[in-house]
C-alpha atoms as a PDB file:
ATOM      1  CA  MET A   1       0.000   0.000   0.000  1.00  0.00           C
ATOM      2  CA  ARG A   2       1.336   3.429  -0.907  1.00  0.00           C
ATOM      3  CA  LYS A   3       1.616   6.149   1.704  1.00  0.00           C
ATOM      4  CA  PRO A   4      -1.394   8.484   1.771  1.00  0.00           C
ATOM      5  CA  ILE A   5      -0.884  12.059   0.611  1.00  0.00           C
ATOM      6  CA  ILE A   6      -2.124  14.460   3.283  1.00  0.00           C
ATOM      7  CA  GLY A   7      -2.990  18.072   2.403  1.00  0.00           C
ATOM      8  CA  ILE A   8      -2.536  20.353   5.430  1.00  0.00           C
ATOM      9  CA  THR A   9      -3.807  23.936   5.493  1.00  0.00           C
ATOM     10  CA  MET A  10      -1.601  26.520   7.164  1.00  0.00           C
ATOM     11  CA  GLY A  11      -4.519  28.127   9.004  1.00  0.00           C
ATOM     12  CA  ASP A  12      -4.853  31.856   9.613  1.00  0.00           C
ATOM     13  CA  PRO A  13      -1.452  33.346   8.694  1.00  0.00           C
ATOM     14  CA  ALA A  14      -1.574  35.582  11.778  1.00  0.00           C
ATOM     15  CA  SER A  15      -2.071  32.586  14.077  1.00  0.00           C
ATOM     16  CA  ILE A  16       0.054  29.782  15.487  1.00  0.00           C
ATOM     17  CA  GLY A  17      -0.845  27.622  12.479  1.00  0.00           C
ATOM     18  CA  PRO A  18       2.378  28.247  10.509  1.00  0.00           C
ATOM     19  CA  GLU A  19       4.459  27.468  13.607  1.00  0.00           C
ATOM     20  CA  LEU A  20       2.557  24.222  14.146  1.00  0.00           C
ATOM     21  CA  CYS A  21       3.191  23.198  10.541  1.00  0.00           C
ATOM     22  CA  LEU A  22       6.931  23.662  11.021  1.00  0.00           C
ATOM     23  CA  ARG A  23       7.044  21.772  14.315  1.00  0.00           C
ATOM     24  CA  ALA A  24       4.866  18.889  13.117  1.00  0.00           C
ATOM     25  CA  LEU A  25       6.634  18.360   9.798  1.00  0.00           C
ATOM     26  CA  ALA A  26      10.074  18.642  11.372  1.00  0.00           C
ATOM     27  CA  ASP A  27       9.393  15.130  12.683  1.00  0.00           C
ATOM     28  CA  ALA A  28      11.075  12.903  10.091  1.00  0.00           C
ATOM     29  CA  SER A  29       9.158   9.835  11.293  1.00  0.00           C
ATOM     30  CA  LEU A  30       5.950  11.391   9.983  1.00  0.00           C
ATOM     31  CA  TYR A  31       7.195  10.814   6.441  1.00  0.00           C
ATOM     32  CA  GLU A  32       7.333   7.077   7.114  1.00  0.00           C
ATOM     33  CA  GLU A  33       3.531   7.067   7.479  1.00  0.00           C
ATOM     34  CA  CYS A  34       2.411   9.650   4.923  1.00  0.00           C
ATOM     35  CA  SER A  35       3.385  12.215   2.296  1.00  0.00           C
ATOM     36  CA  PRO A  36       2.441  15.622   3.744  1.00  0.00           C
ATOM     37  CA  ILE A  37       2.040  18.835   1.771  1.00  0.00           C
ATOM     38  CA  ILE A  38       1.157  22.288   3.146  1.00  0.00           C
ATOM     39  CA  VAL A  39      -1.409  24.533   1.474  1.00  0.00           C
ATOM     40  CA  GLY A  40      -0.580  28.121   2.330  1.00  0.00           C
ATOM     41  CA  ASP A  41       2.044  30.799   1.718  1.00  0.00           C
ATOM     42  CA  SER A  42       5.789  30.213   1.675  1.00  0.00           C
ATOM     43  CA  CYS A  43       6.600  33.720   2.879  1.00  0.00           C
ATOM     44  CA  ILE A  44       4.457  33.249   5.993  1.00  0.00           C
ATOM     45  CA  LEU A  45       6.226  29.979   6.811  1.00  0.00           C
ATOM     46  CA  GLU A  46       9.563  31.710   6.305  1.00  0.00           C
ATOM     47  CA  ARG A  47       8.474  34.347   8.837  1.00  0.00           C
ATOM     48  CA  ALA A  48       7.615  31.572  11.288  1.00  0.00           C
ATOM     49  CA  MET A  49      11.108  30.092  10.906  1.00  0.00           C
ATOM     50  CA  GLN A  50      12.600  33.379  12.154  1.00  0.00           C
ATOM     51  CA  ILE A  51      11.009  32.860  15.568  1.00  0.00           C
ATOM     52  CA  ASP A  52      13.488  31.709  18.215  1.00  0.00           C
ATOM     53  CA  GLY A  53      13.640  27.949  18.586  1.00  0.00           C
ATOM     54  CA  MET A  54      11.608  27.127  15.491  1.00  0.00           C
ATOM     55  CA  PRO A  55      12.746  24.258  13.224  1.00  0.00           C
ATOM     56  CA  GLN A  56      14.743  25.305  10.177  1.00  0.00           C
ATOM     57  CA  LEU A  57      13.389  23.500   7.135  1.00  0.00           C
ATOM     58  CA  ALA A  58      13.939  23.970   3.423  1.00  0.00           C
ATOM     59  CA  ILE A  59      10.816  25.566   1.948  1.00  0.00           C
ATOM     60  CA  HIS A  60       9.883  24.042  -1.409  1.00  0.00           C
ATOM     61  CA  PRO A  61       7.125  26.071  -3.120  1.00  0.00           C
ATOM     62  CA  VAL A  62       5.132  24.119  -5.706  1.00  0.00           C
ATOM     63  CA  GLU A  63       2.150  24.773  -7.937  1.00  0.00           C
ATOM     64  CA  SER A  64       0.841  21.204  -7.884  1.00  0.00           C
ATOM     65  CA  VAL A  65       1.046  18.078  -5.756  1.00  0.00           C
ATOM     66  CA  SER A  66       2.958  16.314  -8.529  1.00  0.00           C
ATOM     67  CA  GLU A  67       5.920  18.660  -7.938  1.00  0.00           C
ATOM     68  CA  ALA A  68       6.264  17.759  -4.241  1.00  0.00           C
ATOM     69  CA  LEU A  69       9.408  15.987  -3.032  1.00  0.00           C
ATOM     70  CA  PHE A  70       7.964  14.482   0.180  1.00  0.00           C
ATOM     71  CA  THR A  71      11.426  14.442   1.749  1.00  0.00           C
ATOM     72  CA  PRO A  72      12.120  14.893   5.491  1.00  0.00           C
ATOM     73  CA  GLY A  73      13.690  18.284   6.141  1.00  0.00           C
ATOM     74  CA  THR A  74      11.950  19.830   3.141  1.00  0.00           C
ATOM     75  CA  LEU A  75       8.546  21.482   3.466  1.00  0.00           C
ATOM     76  CA  ASP A  76       6.494  21.144   0.277  1.00  0.00           C
ATOM     77  CA  VAL A  77       4.091  24.089   0.017  1.00  0.00           C
ATOM     78  CA  ILE A  78       1.370  24.740  -2.530  1.00  0.00           C
ATOM     79  CA  ASP A  79       2.071  28.465  -2.582  1.00  0.00           C
ATOM     80  CA  LEU A  80      -1.112  30.497  -3.062  1.00  0.00           C
ATOM     81  CA  HIS A  81       0.326  34.017  -2.555  1.00  0.00           C
ATOM     82  CA  ALA A  82      -2.738  34.975  -0.527  1.00  0.00           C
ATOM     83  CA  ALA A  83      -0.963  36.912   2.241  1.00  0.00           C
ATOM     84  CA  GLU A  84       2.362  38.469   3.147  1.00  0.00           C
ATOM     85  CA  PRO A  85       3.920  39.244   6.541  1.00  0.00           C
ATOM     86  CA  GLU A  86       3.266  42.966   6.035  1.00  0.00           C
ATOM     87  CA  THR A  87      -0.426  42.469   5.275  1.00  0.00           C
ATOM     88  CA  ALA A  88      -1.109  39.823   7.949  1.00  0.00           C
ATOM     89  CA  PRO A  89       0.550  40.980  11.208  1.00  0.00           C
ATOM     90  CA  LEU A  90       0.950  38.285  13.841  1.00  0.00           C
ATOM     91  CA  GLY A  91      -1.817  38.049  16.395  1.00  0.00           C
ATOM     92  CA  GLU A  92      -4.261  40.364  14.639  1.00  0.00           C
ATOM     93  CA  VAL A  93      -7.712  39.722  13.202  1.00  0.00           C
ATOM     94  CA  SER A  94      -7.836  41.019   9.640  1.00  0.00           C
ATOM     95  CA  ALA A  95      -9.730  40.579   6.404  1.00  0.00           C
ATOM     96  CA  VAL A  96      -6.473  39.777   4.582  1.00  0.00           C
ATOM     97  CA  ALA A  97      -5.607  36.944   6.944  1.00  0.00           C
ATOM     98  CA  GLY A  98      -9.214  35.723   6.949  1.00  0.00           C
ATOM     99  CA  ASN A  99      -9.329  35.633   3.178  1.00  0.00           C
ATOM    100  CA  ALA A 100      -6.017  33.777   3.026  1.00  0.00           C
ATOM    101  CA  ALA A 101      -7.193  31.149   5.521  1.00  0.00           C
ATOM    102  CA  PHE A 102     -10.384  30.688   3.497  1.00  0.00           C
ATOM    103  CA  VAL A 103      -8.459  30.363   0.225  1.00  0.00           C
ATOM    104  CA  TYR A 104      -6.221  27.669   1.734  1.00  0.00           C
ATOM    105  CA  VAL A 105      -9.267  25.645   2.814  1.00  0.00           C
ATOM    106  CA  LYS A 106     -11.026  25.984  -0.526  1.00  0.00           C
ATOM    107  CA  LYS A 107      -7.867  24.850  -2.330  1.00  0.00           C
ATOM    108  CA  VAL A 108      -7.316  21.762  -0.176  1.00  0.00           C
ATOM    109  CA  ILE A 109     -10.954  20.763  -0.709  1.00  0.00           C
ATOM    110  CA  GLU A 110     -10.445  21.064  -4.468  1.00  0.00           C
ATOM    111  CA  LEU A 111      -7.322  18.891  -4.253  1.00  0.00           C
ATOM    112  CA  ALA A 112      -9.166  16.214  -2.303  1.00  0.00           C
ATOM    113  CA  MET A 113     -12.204  16.263  -4.582  1.00  0.00           C
ATOM    114  CA  ALA A 114      -9.863  15.844  -7.553  1.00  0.00           C
ATOM    115  CA  GLY A 115      -8.128  12.901  -5.879  1.00  0.00           C
ATOM    116  CA  GLU A 116      -4.763  14.668  -5.697  1.00  0.00           C
ATOM    117  CA  VAL A 117      -4.595  14.271  -1.915  1.00  0.00           C
ATOM    118  CA  ASP A 118      -6.047  11.357   0.053  1.00  0.00           C
ATOM    119  CA  ALA A 119      -7.047  13.345   3.118  1.00  0.00           C
ATOM    120  CA  THR A 120      -7.128  16.915   4.379  1.00  0.00           C
ATOM    121  CA  VAL A 121      -6.058  18.381   7.724  1.00  0.00           C
ATOM    122  CA  THR A 122      -6.911  21.928   8.755  1.00  0.00           C
ATOM    123  CA  ASN A 123      -5.220  24.341  11.108  1.00  0.00           C
ATOM    124  CA  ALA A 124      -7.409  26.910  12.831  1.00  0.00           C
ATOM    125  CA  LEU A 125      -9.050  29.849  11.097  1.00  0.00           C
ATOM    126  CA  ASN A 126     -10.738  32.829  12.715  1.00  0.00           C
ATOM    127  CA  LYS A 127     -14.469  33.088  12.069  1.00  0.00           C
ATOM    128  CA  GLU A 128     -14.524  36.870  12.480  1.00  0.00           C
ATOM    129  CA  ALA A 129     -11.650  37.256  10.036  1.00  0.00           C
ATOM    130  CA  ILE A 130     -13.168  35.114   7.267  1.00  0.00           C
ATOM    131  CA  ASN A 131     -16.453  36.980   7.606  1.00  0.00           C
ATOM    132  CA  LEU A 132     -14.633  40.310   7.424  1.00  0.00           C
ATOM    133  CA  ALA A 133     -13.235  39.025   4.128  1.00  0.00           C
ATOM    134  CA  GLY A 134     -16.748  38.416   2.851  1.00  0.00           C
ATOM    135  CA  HIS A 135     -16.857  34.636   3.306  1.00  0.00           C
ATOM    136  CA  HIS A 136     -19.968  34.125   5.383  1.00  0.00           C
ATOM    137  CA  PHE A 137     -19.478  30.733   6.990  1.00  0.00           C
ATOM    138  CA  SER A 138     -19.573  29.822  10.665  1.00  0.00           C
ATOM    139  CA  GLY A 139     -16.567  27.513  10.448  1.00  0.00           C
ATOM    140  CA  HIS A 140     -14.619  24.833   8.624  1.00  0.00           C
ATOM    141  CA  THR A 141     -17.430  22.293   8.808  1.00  0.00           C
ATOM    142  CA  GLU A 142     -19.836  24.515   6.920  1.00  0.00           C
ATOM    143  CA  ILE A 143     -17.204  25.430   4.309  1.00  0.00           C
ATOM    144  CA  TYR A 144     -16.497  21.767   3.641  1.00  0.00           C
ATOM    145  CA  ALA A 145     -20.195  20.927   3.440  1.00  0.00           C
ATOM    146  CA  HIS A 146     -20.810  23.760   0.968  1.00  0.00           C
ATOM    147  CA  TYR A 147     -17.931  23.004  -1.400  1.00  0.00           C
ATOM    148  CA  THR A 148     -18.509  19.254  -1.381  1.00  0.00           C
ATOM    149  CA  GLY A 149     -22.277  19.534  -1.775  1.00  0.00           C
ATOM    150  CA  THR A 150     -22.855  17.621   1.454  1.00  0.00           C
ATOM    151  CA  GLU A 151     -26.212  17.874   3.243  1.00  0.00           C
ATOM    152  CA  HIS A 152     -25.835  15.209   5.928  1.00  0.00           C
ATOM    153  CA  TYR A 153     -22.782  15.615   8.125  1.00  0.00           C
ATOM    154  CA  THR A 154     -21.684  16.005  11.718  1.00  0.00           C
ATOM    155  CA  MET A 155     -18.669  16.968  13.803  1.00  0.00           C
ATOM    156  CA  LEU A 156     -16.663  14.310  15.621  1.00  0.00           C
ATOM    157  CA  LEU A 157     -14.298  15.259  18.423  1.00  0.00           C
ATOM    158  CA  ALA A 158     -11.772  12.677  19.574  1.00  0.00           C
ATOM    159  CA  HIS A 159      -9.242  12.533  22.402  1.00  0.00           C
ATOM    160  CA  GLU A 160      -7.676   9.166  23.153  1.00  0.00           C
ATOM    161  CA  ASP A 161     -10.666   6.772  23.413  1.00  0.00           C
ATOM    162  CA  LEU A 162     -13.302   9.469  23.939  1.00  0.00           C
ATOM    163  CA  ARG A 163     -15.205  10.147  20.708  1.00  0.00           C
ATOM    164  CA  ILE A 164     -18.137  12.570  20.525  1.00  0.00           C
ATOM    165  CA  VAL A 165     -20.401  13.494  17.603  1.00  0.00           C
ATOM    166  CA  HIS A 166     -22.902  16.333  17.613  1.00  0.00           C
ATOM    167  CA  VAL A 167     -26.533  16.751  16.580  1.00  0.00           C
ATOM    168  CA  SER A 168     -25.848  20.499  16.137  1.00  0.00           C
ATOM    169  CA  THR A 169     -22.787  22.713  16.484  1.00  0.00           C
ATOM    170  CA  HIS A 170     -22.502  26.384  15.585  1.00  0.00           C
ATOM    171  CA  VAL A 171     -25.966  27.669  16.434  1.00  0.00           C
ATOM    172  CA  SER A 172     -27.417  29.396  19.477  1.00  0.00           C
ATOM    173  CA  LEU A 173     -28.386  27.234  22.440  1.00  0.00           C
ATOM    174  CA  ARG A 174     -32.035  28.106  21.879  1.00  0.00           C
ATOM    175  CA  GLU A 175     -31.832  26.951  18.252  1.00  0.00           C
ATOM    176  CA  ALA A 176     -29.838  23.863  19.257  1.00  0.00           C
ATOM    177  CA  CYS A 177     -32.747  22.693  21.429  1.00  0.00           C
ATOM    178  CA  ASP A 178     -35.120  23.145  18.501  1.00  0.00           C
ATOM    179  CA  ARG A 179     -32.860  20.994  16.306  1.00  0.00           C
ATOM    180  CA  VAL A 180     -33.184  17.915  18.515  1.00  0.00           C
ATOM    181  CA  LYS A 181     -35.528  16.002  16.220  1.00  0.00           C
ATOM    182  CA  LYS A 182     -35.879  12.269  15.685  1.00  0.00           C
ATOM    183  CA  GLU A 183     -34.695  12.372  12.061  1.00  0.00           C
ATOM    184  CA  ARG A 184     -31.532  14.335  12.859  1.00  0.00           C
ATOM    185  CA  VAL A 185     -30.664  12.299  15.961  1.00  0.00           C
ATOM    186  CA  LEU A 186     -31.080   9.062  13.978  1.00  0.00           C
ATOM    187  CA  GLU A 187     -28.938  10.466  11.157  1.00  0.00           C
ATOM    188  CA  VAL A 188     -26.109  11.291  13.582  1.00  0.00           C
ATOM    189  CA  ILE A 189     -26.339   7.866  15.251  1.00  0.00           C
ATOM    190  CA  ARG A 190     -25.951   6.250  11.820  1.00  0.00           C
ATOM    191  CA  ILE A 191     -22.962   8.451  10.954  1.00  0.00           C
ATOM    192  CA  ALA A 192     -21.344   7.715  14.342  1.00  0.00           C
ATOM    193  CA  HIS A 193     -21.825   3.971  13.850  1.00  0.00           C
ATOM    194  CA  GLN A 194     -20.261   4.049  10.384  1.00  0.00           C
ATOM    195  CA  ALA A 195     -17.332   6.211  11.539  1.00  0.00           C
ATOM    196  CA  CYS A 196     -16.434   3.648  14.173  1.00  0.00           C
ATOM    197  CA  LYS A 197     -16.671   0.871  11.575  1.00  0.00           C
ATOM    198  CA  ASP A 198     -14.314   2.884   9.349  1.00  0.00           C
ATOM    199  CA  MET A 199     -11.863   3.061  12.265  1.00  0.00           C
ATOM    200  CA  GLY A 200     -11.884  -0.708  12.588  1.00  0.00           C
ATOM    201  CA  ILE A 201     -14.349  -1.098  15.477  1.00  0.00           C
ATOM    202  CA  GLU A 202     -16.334  -4.195  14.527  1.00  0.00           C
ATOM    203  CA  ASN A 203     -19.488  -3.690  16.607  1.00  0.00           C
ATOM    204  CA  PRO A 204     -19.567  -0.069  17.757  1.00  0.00           C
ATOM    205  CA  ARG A 205     -21.402   0.804  20.952  1.00  0.00           C
ATOM    206  CA  VAL A 206     -23.109   4.161  20.496  1.00  0.00           C
ATOM    207  CA  GLY A 207     -24.155   6.042  23.641  1.00  0.00           C
ATOM    208  CA  VAL A 208     -26.763   8.748  23.056  1.00  0.00           C
ATOM    209  CA  ALA A 209     -26.984  11.658  25.481  1.00  0.00           C
ATOM    210  CA  GLY A 210     -30.198  13.237  26.622  1.00  0.00           C
ATOM    211  CA  LEU A 211     -30.861  16.939  26.196  1.00  0.00           C
ATOM    212  CA  ASN A 212     -32.351  17.841  29.569  1.00  0.00           C
ATOM    213  CA  PRO A 213     -31.107  17.345  33.148  1.00  0.00           C
ATOM    214  CA  HIS A 214     -31.658  13.719  34.195  1.00  0.00           C
ATOM    215  CA  CYS A 215     -32.963  13.079  30.663  1.00  0.00           C
ATOM    216  CA  GLY A 216     -36.086  15.069  31.519  1.00  0.00           C
ATOM    217  CA  GLU A 217     -37.251  12.925  34.472  1.00  0.00           C
ATOM    218  CA  ASN A 218     -40.058  11.339  32.429  1.00  0.00           C
ATOM    219  CA  GLY A 219     -41.210  14.683  31.056  1.00  0.00           C
ATOM    220  CA  LEU A 220     -40.882  16.756  34.224  1.00  0.00           C
ATOM    221  CA  PHE A 221     -37.960  18.790  32.828  1.00  0.00           C
ATOM    222  CA  GLY A 222     -38.762  18.490  29.124  1.00  0.00           C
ATOM    223  CA  ARG A 223     -40.166  16.023  26.626  1.00  0.00           C
ATOM    224  CA  GLU A 224     -37.411  15.856  23.984  1.00  0.00           C
ATOM    225  CA  GLU A 225     -36.164  12.506  25.307  1.00  0.00           C
ATOM    226  CA  ILE A 226     -39.651  11.012  25.110  1.00  0.00           C
ATOM    227  CA  GLU A 227     -40.748  12.473  21.787  1.00  0.00           C
ATOM    228  CA  GLU A 228     -37.526  12.716  19.755  1.00  0.00           C
ATOM    229  CA  ILE A 229     -34.424  11.027  21.216  1.00  0.00           C
ATOM    230  CA  THR A 230     -35.826   7.678  22.386  1.00  0.00           C
ATOM    231  CA  PRO A 231     -37.701   7.088  19.103  1.00  0.00           C
ATOM    232  CA  ALA A 232     -34.447   7.776  17.211  1.00  0.00           C
ATOM    233  CA  ILE A 233     -32.547   5.270  19.367  1.00  0.00           C
ATOM    234  CA  GLU A 234     -35.247   2.636  18.874  1.00  0.00           C
ATOM    235  CA  ALA A 235     -35.164   3.184  15.110  1.00  0.00           C
ATOM    236  CA  ALA A 236     -31.371   2.778  15.113  1.00  0.00           C
ATOM    237  CA  GLN A 237     -31.653  -0.411  17.125  1.00  0.00           C
ATOM    238  CA  ALA A 238     -34.166  -1.749  14.598  1.00  0.00           C
ATOM    239  CA  GLU A 239     -31.480  -1.229  11.933  1.00  0.00           C
ATOM    240  CA  GLY A 240     -29.012  -3.345  13.906  1.00  0.00           C
ATOM    241  CA  ILE A 241     -27.064  -0.470  15.429  1.00  0.00           C
ATOM    242  CA  ASN A 242     -25.899  -1.037  19.005  1.00  0.00           C
ATOM    243  CA  ALA A 243     -27.266   2.251  20.363  1.00  0.00           C
ATOM    244  CA  ALA A 244     -28.045   2.922  24.022  1.00  0.00           C
ATOM    245  CA  GLY A 245     -29.803   5.726  25.844  1.00  0.00           C
ATOM    246  CA  PRO A 246     -30.818   8.360  26.308  1.00  0.00           C
ATOM    247  CA  VAL A 247     -28.092   8.615  28.924  1.00  0.00           C
ATOM    248  CA  PRO A 248     -27.999  11.606  31.328  1.00  0.00           C
ATOM    249  CA  PRO A 249     -25.511  14.152  29.950  1.00  0.00           C
ATOM    250  CA  ASP A 250     -23.707  14.426  33.288  1.00  0.00           C
ATOM    251  CA  THR A 251     -22.696  10.733  33.272  1.00  0.00           C
ATOM    252  CA  ILE A 252     -22.447   9.598  29.650  1.00  0.00           C
ATOM    253  CA  PHE A 253     -18.920  10.857  29.062  1.00  0.00           C
ATOM    254  CA  SER A 254     -17.546   9.302  32.252  1.00  0.00           C
ATOM    255  CA  LYS A 255     -19.131   6.033  31.173  1.00  0.00           C
ATOM    256  CA  ALA A 256     -17.530   6.365  27.750  1.00  0.00           C
ATOM    257  CA  ARG A 257     -14.137   6.897  29.385  1.00  0.00           C
ATOM    258  CA  GLY A 258     -14.833   3.761  31.398  1.00  0.00           C
ATOM    259  CA  GLY A 259     -15.350   1.705  28.262  1.00  0.00           C
ATOM    260  CA  TRP A 260     -19.155   1.581  28.104  1.00  0.00           C
ATOM    261  CA  TYR A 261     -19.343   3.247  24.664  1.00  0.00           C
ATOM    262  CA  ASP A 262     -17.078   3.588  21.645  1.00  0.00           C
ATOM    263  CA  ILE A 263     -18.685   6.868  20.663  1.00  0.00           C
ATOM    264  CA  CYS A 264     -21.173   9.328  22.174  1.00  0.00           C
ATOM    265  CA  VAL A 265     -23.864  11.405  20.484  1.00  0.00           C
ATOM    266  CA  ALA A 266     -24.105  14.872  22.056  1.00  0.00           C
ATOM    267  CA  MET A 267     -27.149  17.024  21.445  1.00  0.00           C
ATOM    268  CA  TYR A 268     -25.334  20.357  20.979  1.00  0.00           C
ATOM    269  CA  HIS A 269     -21.924  22.017  20.736  1.00  0.00           C
ATOM    270  CA  ASP A 270     -20.953  22.671  24.342  1.00  0.00           C
ATOM    271  CA  GLN A 271     -22.450  19.440  25.659  1.00  0.00           C
ATOM    272  CA  GLY A 272     -19.856  17.575  23.622  1.00  0.00           C
ATOM    273  CA  HIS A 273     -16.980  20.047  23.556  1.00  0.00           C
ATOM    274  CA  ILE A 274     -16.674  20.744  27.286  1.00  0.00           C
ATOM    275  CA  PRO A 275     -15.898  17.192  28.492  1.00  0.00           C
ATOM    276  CA  LEU A 276     -13.416  16.574  25.700  1.00  0.00           C
ATOM    277  CA  LYS A 277     -11.544  19.829  26.261  1.00  0.00           C
ATOM    278  CA  VAL A 278     -11.450  19.325  30.030  1.00  0.00           C
ATOM    279  CA  LEU A 279      -9.506  16.146  29.261  1.00  0.00           C
ATOM    280  CA  GLY A 280      -7.401  17.363  26.360  1.00  0.00           C
ATOM    281  CA  PHE A 281      -6.551  20.932  27.413  1.00  0.00           C
ATOM    282  CA  VAL A 282      -4.167  21.009  30.370  1.00  0.00           C
ATOM    283  CA  TYR A 283      -2.925  24.310  31.872  1.00  0.00           C
ATOM    284  CA  ASP A 284      -0.212  24.450  34.537  1.00  0.00           C
ATOM    285  CA  PRO A 285      -0.823  27.432  36.852  1.00  0.00           C
ATOM    286  CA  GLN A 286       2.684  27.219  38.325  1.00  0.00           C
ATOM    287  CA  GLN A 287       4.412  27.387  34.961  1.00  0.00           C
ATOM    288  CA  GLN A 288       1.613  29.576  33.549  1.00  0.00           C
ATOM    289  CA  LYS A 289       1.520  27.711  30.285  1.00  0.00           C
ATOM    290  CA  TRP A 290      -0.486  25.047  28.474  1.00  0.00           C
ATOM    291  CA  LEU A 291       1.066  21.627  28.889  1.00  0.00           C
ATOM    292  CA  ALA A 292      -1.313  20.103  26.356  1.00  0.00           C
ATOM    293  CA  VAL A 293      -3.872  21.332  23.861  1.00  0.00           C
ATOM    294  CA  SER A 294      -4.910  17.997  22.465  1.00  0.00           C
ATOM    295  CA  GLY A 295      -7.896  16.719  20.540  1.00  0.00           C
ATOM    296  CA  VAL A 296      -8.975  16.121  16.975  1.00  0.00           C
ATOM    297  CA  ASN A 297     -11.948  17.550  15.091  1.00  0.00           C
ATOM    298  CA  ILE A 298     -13.237  15.352  12.254  1.00  0.00           C
ATOM    299  CA  THR A 299     -16.078  16.133   9.855  1.00  0.00           C
ATOM    300  CA  LEU A 300     -18.083  12.982   9.156  1.00  0.00           C
ATOM    301  CA  GLY A 301     -20.403  12.405   6.215  1.00  0.00           C
ATOM    302  CA  LEU A 302     -18.222  14.159   3.625  1.00  0.00           C
ATOM    303  CA  PRO A 303     -17.081  12.513   0.372  1.00  0.00           C
ATOM    304  CA  ILE A 304     -13.511  13.440   1.399  1.00  0.00           C
ATOM    305  CA  ILE A 305     -11.546  13.063   4.636  1.00  0.00           C
ATOM    306  CA  ARG A 306     -11.187  16.103   6.864  1.00  0.00           C
ATOM    307  CA  THR A 307      -9.559  16.205  10.294  1.00  0.00           C
ATOM    308  CA  SER A 308      -8.490  19.271  12.229  1.00  0.00           C
ATOM    309  CA  VAL A 309      -6.820  20.603  15.337  1.00  0.00           C
ATOM    310  CA  ASP A 310      -9.288  21.063  18.170  1.00  0.00           C
ATOM    311  CA  HIS A 311      -8.244  24.553  19.201  1.00  0.00           C
ATOM    312  CA  GLY A 312      -8.451  28.087  17.921  1.00  0.00           C
ATOM    313  CA  THR A 313      -5.999  30.482  16.327  1.00  0.00           C
ATOM    314  CA  ALA A 314      -4.349  31.377  19.682  1.00  0.00           C
ATOM    315  CA  PHE A 315      -3.414  34.867  18.484  1.00  0.00           C
ATOM    316  CA  ASP A 316      -1.997  35.600  21.949  1.00  0.00           C
ATOM    317  CA  GLN A 317       0.657  32.898  21.427  1.00  0.00           C
ATOM    318  CA  ALA A 318       1.485  33.661  17.797  1.00  0.00           C
ATOM    319  CA  GLY A 319       5.142  34.503  17.279  1.00  0.00           C
ATOM    320  CA  LYS A 320       6.275  33.234  20.691  1.00  0.00           C
ATOM    321  CA  GLY A 321       7.381  29.801  19.508  1.00  0.00           C
ATOM    322  CA  THR A 322       5.663  28.070  22.437  1.00  0.00           C
ATOM    323  CA  ALA A 323       2.726  26.397  20.678  1.00  0.00           C
ATOM    324  CA  SER A 324       2.583  22.604  20.882  1.00  0.00           C
ATOM    325  CA  PRO A 325       2.004  20.586  17.686  1.00  0.00           C
ATOM    326  CA  ILE A 326       0.374  17.659  19.538  1.00  0.00           C
ATOM    327  CA  SER A 327      -3.139  18.393  18.301  1.00  0.00           C
ATOM    328  CA  LEU A 328      -1.938  18.804  14.708  1.00  0.00           C
ATOM    329  CA  LEU A 329       0.042  15.570  14.873  1.00  0.00           C
ATOM    330  CA  ASN A 330      -3.020  13.785  16.259  1.00  0.00           C
ATOM    331  CA  ALA A 331      -5.155  15.220  13.449  1.00  0.00           C
ATOM    332  CA  ILE A 332      -2.631  13.999  10.874  1.00  0.00           C
ATOM    333  CA  SER A 333      -2.624  10.576  12.550  1.00  0.00           C
ATOM    334  CA  TYR A 334      -6.408  10.303  12.268  1.00  0.00           C
ATOM    335  CA  ALA A 335      -6.269  11.467   8.645  1.00  0.00           C
ATOM    336  CA  ILE A 336      -3.766   8.713   7.867  1.00  0.00           C
ATOM    337  CA  ARG A 337      -5.945   6.164   9.660  1.00  0.00           C
ATOM    338  CA  PHE A 338      -9.029   7.056   7.634  1.00  0.00           C
ATOM    339  CA  ALA A 339      -7.096   7.411   4.375  1.00  0.00           C
ATOM    340  CA  LYS A 340      -5.631   3.916   4.646  1.00  0.00           C
ATOM    341  CA  THR A 341      -9.165   2.478   4.545  1.00  0.00           C
ATOM    342  CA  ARG A 342      -9.758   4.117   1.156  1.00  0.00           C
ATOM    343  CA  ILE A 343      -6.535   3.620  -0.813  1.00  0.00           C
END
């Protein structure tokens, strides 16, 4: 089997994304598992190399994947000339940087749709910045769905053995409650089940969270569990899916960590994001720095593979050379894992 080609976006040029690219791809062992190529701007990566302590790699600008060398110590970059250091100052939200980040994402999607890369990995973009640039999307997930023509998709977050998919993500909490409908919950259960199968889990156990405290206490605190979530679980079970629940939201993730479930279905963004980030994001108050910012964001249901870091642009850290590449390396690892099932 050939090594999968992984297209990696640089992220917002004013963010820590370029630094993470350098640190991650400085690991020569990565090239034993895949052939990575950055989609971004060479001049921005060159700026990142000037930061104290950053890896010094040979930048190899290319116009197509076919020109890439895929050699350790050399950073292949599809150079889009979307931003320059002068127009995208470090740590600042700007339309220029937002447009560049958007252009990188659109390009990597095109490469994947054309079969030139086997999987895509995204560094963080800034939602305010891309909207300032006139690209009115609420995040990567929606951009990918739009440019791949995908209607049925969901976000998967993963940290170690904790995997969480979401019924809704970037909407208000009030709207998120309205989106808890049988058809959507069933759709996400199906996607979660298939994602686990794709990762080699033979008989996935899918735990489905409730929406309300104590799963509504038989309608006392809300009827969504009775009218929408339980019927979705029963329909999934009728299809042969090993789905369980609804499980109270305050215990389902601890149970998953204890091995009860291979994947959890969360009803909205923060219900799923908070437990995963409590585990994956570790701050040391004595050292006053993040020891770990770990987790992977994966968009399921797309015709192409997309994984991502599970953190933001970290403008406050940009240019300091302190950002950890763990989340990016984990995202690349998941991309390789999925890609190997398709090539």
